[in-house]
Amino acid sequence: MKNVTDSFLSLGYWPSAGSFGFNTDILATNPINLSVVLGVLVFFGKGVLSDLLDNRKQRILKTIRNSEELREGALDQLKKARARLRKVETEADMFRTTGYSEIEREKLNLINSTYKTLEQLENYKNETIHFEQQRAINQVRQRVFQQALQGALGTLNSCLNNELHLRTISTNIGMFGTVKEITD
């Protein structure tokens, strides 16, 4: 077997010293170029890349911290909102219960006052009816009495003559005398 370096030199791939040329052997030059480029990138890019990664890491950590703080703030606000909600619901239940009981109380008061008013109106009606009945009875009595009196006077006037009239007057005066003696 031949030495690999001998084959490169004998085929003319390596230019002589002092001249510049291209190496066209891809298998020999690619790994060397790649290793050189990677070495340069690692040497010079290591600091830049680590700075970029550190900055990115710091921004991510800062974002996470901010998110945690916002989350804690949101949780506190949620707790406060839930507490306010419970308080408002309790007050609403209390107002609802109080309102319903007050409505029932007002309803009962209204029913009672209406019942009393109806009772008073019924009493006034009954009193008015009784008063009107008494007045009508008195009017009928007066008319009956007037008619009876007129009938009696008519009968007396037609039946009485002077002598009967004088005797009736004497009898009535006599009765007044006895009534007066009894009362004295």
Protein backbone atom coordinates (compact mmCIF):
# COMPACT_ATOMS: atom_id res chain seq x y z
CA MET A 1 0.00 0.00 0.00
CA LYS A 2 1.09 3.37 -0.77
CA ASN A 3 1.27 6.22 1.59
CA VAL A 4 -1.63 8.62 1.23
CA THR A 5 0.55 11.67 1.36
CA ASP A 6 2.66 10.31 -1.47
CA SER A 7 -0.37 9.96 -3.67
CA PHE A 8 -1.44 13.58 -3.04
CA LEU A 9 2.02 14.92 -3.81
CA SER A 10 2.55 12.77 -6.88
CA LEU A 11 -0.75 13.68 -8.51
CA GLY A 12 -0.10 17.35 -8.26
CA TYR A 13 -2.83 18.29 -5.93
CA TRP A 14 -0.54 20.11 -3.62
CA PRO A 15 0.91 23.20 -5.09
CA SER A 16 4.48 24.03 -4.41
CA ALA A 17 5.41 26.50 -1.77
CA GLY A 18 4.96 30.12 -2.60
CA SER A 19 2.13 29.69 -5.00
CA PHE A 20 -1.58 29.85 -4.46
CA GLY A 21 -4.08 27.37 -5.82
CA PHE A 22 -7.27 25.42 -5.20
CA ASN A 23 -7.46 21.94 -3.87
CA THR A 24 -10.14 20.12 -5.84
CA ASP A 25 -10.16 16.96 -3.73
CA ILE A 26 -13.53 17.27 -1.98
CA LEU A 27 -13.00 14.37 0.37
CA ALA A 28 -9.77 15.78 1.69
CA THR A 29 -10.68 19.46 1.89
CA ASN A 30 -14.27 19.37 3.27
CA PRO A 31 -13.51 17.84 6.64
CA ILE A 32 -10.55 20.15 7.06
CA ASN A 33 -12.56 23.24 6.07
CA LEU A 34 -15.47 22.22 8.21
CA SER A 35 -13.25 21.61 11.22
CA VAL A 36 -11.57 24.98 10.72
CA VAL A 37 -14.92 26.80 10.32
CA LEU A 38 -16.39 25.01 13.30
CA GLY A 39 -13.28 25.76 15.36
CA VAL A 40 -13.46 29.46 14.45
CA LEU A 41 -17.23 29.53 15.14
CA VAL A 42 -16.80 27.82 18.48
CA PHE A 43 -13.91 30.06 19.47
CA PHE A 44 -15.45 33.39 18.45
CA GLY A 45 -19.16 32.49 18.56
CA LYS A 46 -19.02 30.85 21.96
CA GLY A 47 -19.14 34.18 23.82
CA VAL A 48 -21.75 35.71 21.53
CA LEU A 49 -23.89 32.59 21.58
CA SER A 50 -23.62 32.25 25.37
CA ASP A 51 -24.51 35.97 25.74
CA LEU A 52 -27.52 35.53 23.47
CA LEU A 53 -28.61 32.41 25.33
CA ASP A 54 -28.09 34.12 28.72
CA ASN A 55 -30.11 37.15 27.58
CA ARG A 56 -32.84 34.88 26.28
CA LYS A 57 -32.77 32.89 29.52
CA GLN A 58 -33.01 36.10 31.58
CA ARG A 59 -35.94 37.36 29.50
CA ILE A 60 -37.72 34.03 29.85
CA LEU A 61 -37.11 33.99 33.62
CA LYS A 62 -38.28 37.62 33.89
CA THR A 63 -41.40 36.78 31.87
CA ILE A 64 -42.06 33.77 34.10
CA ARG A 65 -41.62 35.94 37.24
CA ASN A 66 -43.93 38.60 35.83
CA SER A 67 -46.44 35.93 34.91
CA GLU A 68 -46.26 34.49 38.43
CA GLU A 69 -46.75 37.97 39.93
CA LEU A 70 -49.68 38.62 37.60
CA ARG A 71 -51.08 35.20 38.45
CA GLU A 72 -50.82 35.95 42.18
CA GLY A 73 -52.46 39.34 41.65
CA ALA A 74 -55.21 37.75 39.60
CA LEU A 75 -55.73 35.08 42.27
CA ASP A 76 -55.96 37.79 44.95
CA GLN A 77 -58.45 39.73 42.86
CA LEU A 78 -60.40 36.52 42.25
CA LYS A 79 -60.50 35.82 46.01
CA LYS A 80 -61.65 39.38 46.68
CA ALA A 81 -64.25 39.17 43.93
CA ARG A 82 -65.55 35.85 45.29
CA ALA A 83 -65.73 37.33 48.79
CA ARG A 84 -67.63 40.35 47.45
CA LEU A 85 -69.90 38.02 45.49
CA ARG A 86 -70.66 35.97 48.62
CA LYS A 87 -71.32 39.17 50.56
CA VAL A 88 -73.60 40.54 47.84
CA GLU A 89 -75.42 37.21 47.54
CA THR A 90 -75.90 37.14 51.32
CA GLU A 91 -77.21 40.70 51.30
CA ALA A 92 -79.45 39.91 48.33
CA ASP A 93 -80.86 36.89 50.16
CA MET A 94 -81.38 39.00 53.26
CA PHE A 95 -83.10 41.76 51.25
CA ARG A 96 -85.15 39.17 49.40
CA THR A 97 -86.21 37.50 52.66
CA THR A 98 -86.83 40.84 54.35
CA GLY A 99 -88.64 42.10 51.28
CA TYR A 100 -90.85 39.03 51.08
CA SER A 101 -91.69 39.19 54.78
CA GLU A 102 -92.33 42.93 54.52
CA ILE A 103 -94.53 42.37 51.47
CA GLU A 104 -96.47 39.71 53.38
CA ARG A 105 -96.76 42.02 56.39
CA GLU A 106 -97.98 44.89 54.20
CA LYS A 107 -100.37 42.53 52.46
CA LEU A 108 -101.82 41.42 55.80
CA ASN A 109 -102.04 45.04 56.98
CA LEU A 110 -103.83 45.99 53.77
CA ILE A 111 -106.23 43.05 54.10
CA ASN A 112 -106.91 43.94 57.74
CA SER A 113 -107.45 47.63 57.02
CA THR A 114 -109.68 46.76 54.07
CA TYR A 115 -111.67 44.37 56.27
CA LYS A 116 -112.04 47.07 58.94
CA THR A 117 -113.07 49.63 56.33
CA LEU A 118 -115.62 47.21 54.90
CA GLU A 119 -116.89 46.50 58.39
CA GLN A 120 -117.27 50.23 59.09
CA LEU A 121 -119.02 50.73 55.76
CA GLU A 122 -121.36 47.84 56.58
CA ASN A 123 -122.09 49.43 59.98
CA TYR A 124 -122.71 52.83 58.34
CA LYS A 125 -124.98 51.15 55.80
CA ASN A 126 -126.90 49.35 58.52
CA GLU A 127 -127.20 52.54 60.56
CA THR A 128 -128.36 54.46 57.49
CA ILE A 129 -130.90 51.75 56.65
CA HIS A 130 -132.15 51.72 60.26
CA PHE A 131 -132.35 55.52 60.30
CA GLU A 132 -134.23 55.59 56.99
CA GLN A 133 -136.57 52.83 58.21
CA GLN A 134 -137.31 54.78 61.40
CA ARG A 135 -137.85 57.93 59.41
CA ALA A 136 -140.16 56.12 56.99
CA ILE A 137 -142.04 54.51 59.90
CA ASN A 138 -142.39 57.91 61.59
CA GLN A 139 -143.63 59.47 58.35
CA VAL A 140 -146.15 56.64 57.91
CA ARG A 141 -147.26 57.01 61.53
CA GLN A 142 -147.70 60.74 61.11
CA ARG A 143 -149.74 60.27 57.94
CA VAL A 144 -151.82 57.52 59.51
CA PHE A 145 -152.31 59.66 62.58
CA GLN A 146 -153.20 62.70 60.46
CA GLN A 147 -155.58 60.66 58.35
CA ALA A 148 -157.13 59.08 61.45
CA LEU A 149 -157.39 62.47 63.09
CA GLN A 150 -158.93 63.99 59.97
CA GLY A 151 -161.29 61.03 59.73
CA ALA A 152 -162.20 61.35 63.43
CA LEU A 153 -162.65 65.12 63.11
CA GLY A 154 -164.76 64.61 60.02
CA THR A 155 -166.85 62.03 61.84
CA LEU A 156 -167.17 64.20 64.92
CA ASN A 157 -168.02 67.29 62.93
CA SER A 158 -170.68 65.45 61.01
CA CYS A 159 -172.12 63.81 64.12
CA LEU A 160 -171.73 66.54 66.65
CA ASN A 161 -174.21 69.20 67.22
CA ASN A 162 -173.92 72.03 69.68
CA GLU A 163 -175.36 70.17 72.63
CA LEU A 164 -173.16 67.07 72.12
CA HIS A 165 -170.19 69.33 71.58
CA LEU A 166 -170.72 71.15 74.89
CA ARG A 167 -171.21 67.91 76.80
CA THR A 168 -167.92 66.49 75.35
CA ILE A 169 -166.06 69.62 76.35
CA SER A 170 -167.50 69.46 79.90
CA THR A 171 -166.53 65.82 80.20
CA ASN A 172 -163.01 66.57 79.04
CA ILE A 173 -162.71 69.46 81.46
CA GLY A 174 -163.98 67.19 84.18
CA MET A 175 -161.31 64.65 83.34
CA PHE A 176 -158.67 67.34 83.48
CA GLY A 177 -159.89 68.27 86.92
CA THR A 178 -159.65 64.73 88.24
CA VAL A 179 -156.26 64.24 86.58
CA LYS A 180 -155.07 67.48 88.14
CA GLU A 181 -156.28 66.42 91.59
CA ILE A 182 -154.56 63.06 91.25
CA THR A 183 -151.30 64.67 90.27
CA ASP A 184 -151.44 67.27 93.05
